[in-house]
Structure formats: structure tokens, C-alpha cells
Amino acid sequence: GAVIRTFSGHTYKLNAVAFSPDATQVITGSDDNTVRIFDTATGTVLQIFREHNNAVTSVAFSPDGVQALTGADDGTALLWTPD
């Protein structure tokens, strides 16, 4: 029942979160129109994607963890190749 890690940095509410297939990363989508990828072990932000023009409502990693797919209230789904 103890908190292990806090992932912070978004400026508005979170709408979506997901683990990478190997559980080394967490991806989040927010009403601040951004997607963030965090290191699970440290909570450090690894990347921020700012290309959506509205709230990000869904996030997912591909089964191999090589790509991420995000959806937003701007009517777009964006496919990413995280660093």
C-alpha cells in the first residue's frame, strides 16, 4: 500500500497513463495538450511531445515498445517514435 514513485510535471489533469511493455517507462496524456514519457525507476521525464492542439485523451505503447500512439480532443491520433 505504499507509494513507490510520483510522476509529475503536467500542468493540468491527466487523462491517460500506460506502462511500456517492459515496464521501464510510463507514458501520460494530459489536458495541458502534452504527452510525457517517464523513467519508471527514477520518475525522470525522458521526453515531452507537444504536437497535439487539444487535451490528450489516450496513450499506448506498441507491443514491442518501439512506438507510442496518442489520441486527443483535436481529432488526431499521432504515432511517435520515442528516443
Protein backbone atom coordinates (compact mmCIF):
# COMPACT_ATOMS: atom_id res chain seq x y z
CA GLY A 1 0.00 0.00 0.00
CA ALA A 2 2.97 2.42 -0.15
CA VAL A 3 3.56 4.91 -2.96
CA ILE A 4 6.67 3.85 -4.88
CA ARG A 5 7.06 6.74 -7.32
CA THR A 6 5.38 10.02 -8.26
CA PHE A 7 5.33 11.14 -11.89
CA SER A 8 4.82 14.89 -12.08
CA GLY A 9 5.20 17.76 -14.50
CA HIS A 10 1.86 18.14 -16.23
CA THR A 11 0.12 21.45 -15.59
CA TYR A 12 -3.46 20.14 -15.92
CA LYS A 13 -5.28 16.91 -15.16
CA LEU A 14 -4.16 13.55 -16.50
CA ASN A 15 -6.47 11.66 -18.83
CA ALA A 16 -4.42 8.59 -19.72
CA VAL A 17 -1.46 6.58 -18.43
CA ALA A 18 0.20 3.35 -19.57
CA PHE A 19 3.30 1.26 -18.89
CA SER A 20 5.69 0.33 -21.67
CA PRO A 21 5.73 -3.43 -22.43
CA ASP A 22 8.94 -3.89 -20.41
CA ALA A 23 7.65 -1.61 -17.60
CA THR A 24 10.74 0.65 -17.76
CA GLN A 25 8.72 3.65 -18.93
CA VAL A 26 5.35 5.27 -18.25
CA ILE A 27 3.52 7.40 -20.83
CA THR A 28 0.95 10.02 -19.78
CA GLY A 29 -1.50 12.28 -21.61
CA SER A 30 -2.98 15.45 -20.16
CA ASP A 31 -5.36 18.35 -20.57
CA ASP A 32 -2.22 20.51 -20.97
CA ASN A 33 -2.06 19.09 -24.55
CA THR A 34 1.18 17.23 -23.88
CA VAL A 35 2.39 13.66 -23.73
CA ARG A 36 5.22 12.78 -21.35
CA ILE A 37 7.33 9.69 -21.10
CA PHE A 38 8.86 8.99 -17.70
CA ASP A 39 11.53 6.59 -16.49
CA THR A 40 9.75 4.18 -14.15
CA ALA A 41 12.76 3.67 -11.87
CA THR A 42 13.53 7.35 -11.25
CA GLY A 43 10.41 9.32 -12.21
CA THR A 44 12.53 11.46 -14.54
CA VAL A 45 10.85 12.92 -17.64
CA LEU A 46 12.53 11.38 -20.68
CA GLN A 47 10.52 13.15 -23.39
CA ILE A 48 7.72 15.65 -23.85
CA PHE A 49 5.61 15.70 -27.01
CA ARG A 50 3.77 18.97 -27.67
CA GLU A 51 2.24 18.45 -31.11
CA HIS A 52 -1.41 17.98 -30.04
CA ASN A 53 -3.62 21.08 -30.17
CA ASN A 54 -6.07 19.89 -27.51
CA ALA A 55 -6.31 17.60 -24.49
CA VAL A 56 -4.60 14.23 -24.89
CA THR A 57 -7.15 11.56 -24.01
CA SER A 58 -5.45 8.26 -24.83
CA VAL A 59 -1.93 6.84 -24.86
CA ALA A 60 -0.45 3.43 -25.68
CA PHE A 61 2.87 1.79 -26.46
CA SER A 62 3.21 -0.68 -29.32
CA PRO A 63 3.67 -4.28 -28.17
CA ASP A 64 7.41 -4.09 -28.89
CA GLY A 65 7.72 -0.73 -27.08
CA VAL A 66 9.30 0.95 -30.12
CA GLN A 67 6.42 3.33 -30.86
CA ALA A 68 3.72 5.18 -28.96
CA LEU A 69 0.25 6.17 -30.16
CA THR A 70 -1.67 9.09 -28.68
CA GLY A 71 -5.16 10.43 -29.28
CA ALA A 72 -6.54 13.86 -28.48
CA ASP A 73 -9.66 16.01 -28.45
CA ASP A 74 -8.24 17.78 -31.52
CA GLY A 75 -9.41 14.78 -33.56
CA THR A 76 -5.95 13.39 -34.24
CA ALA A 77 -4.06 10.24 -33.39
CA LEU A 78 -0.28 10.66 -33.56
CA LEU A 79 2.25 7.86 -33.89
CA TRP A 80 5.58 8.56 -32.19
CA THR A 81 9.00 7.01 -32.13
CA PRO A 82 10.29 7.85 -28.65
CA ASP A 83 14.04 8.40 -28.27
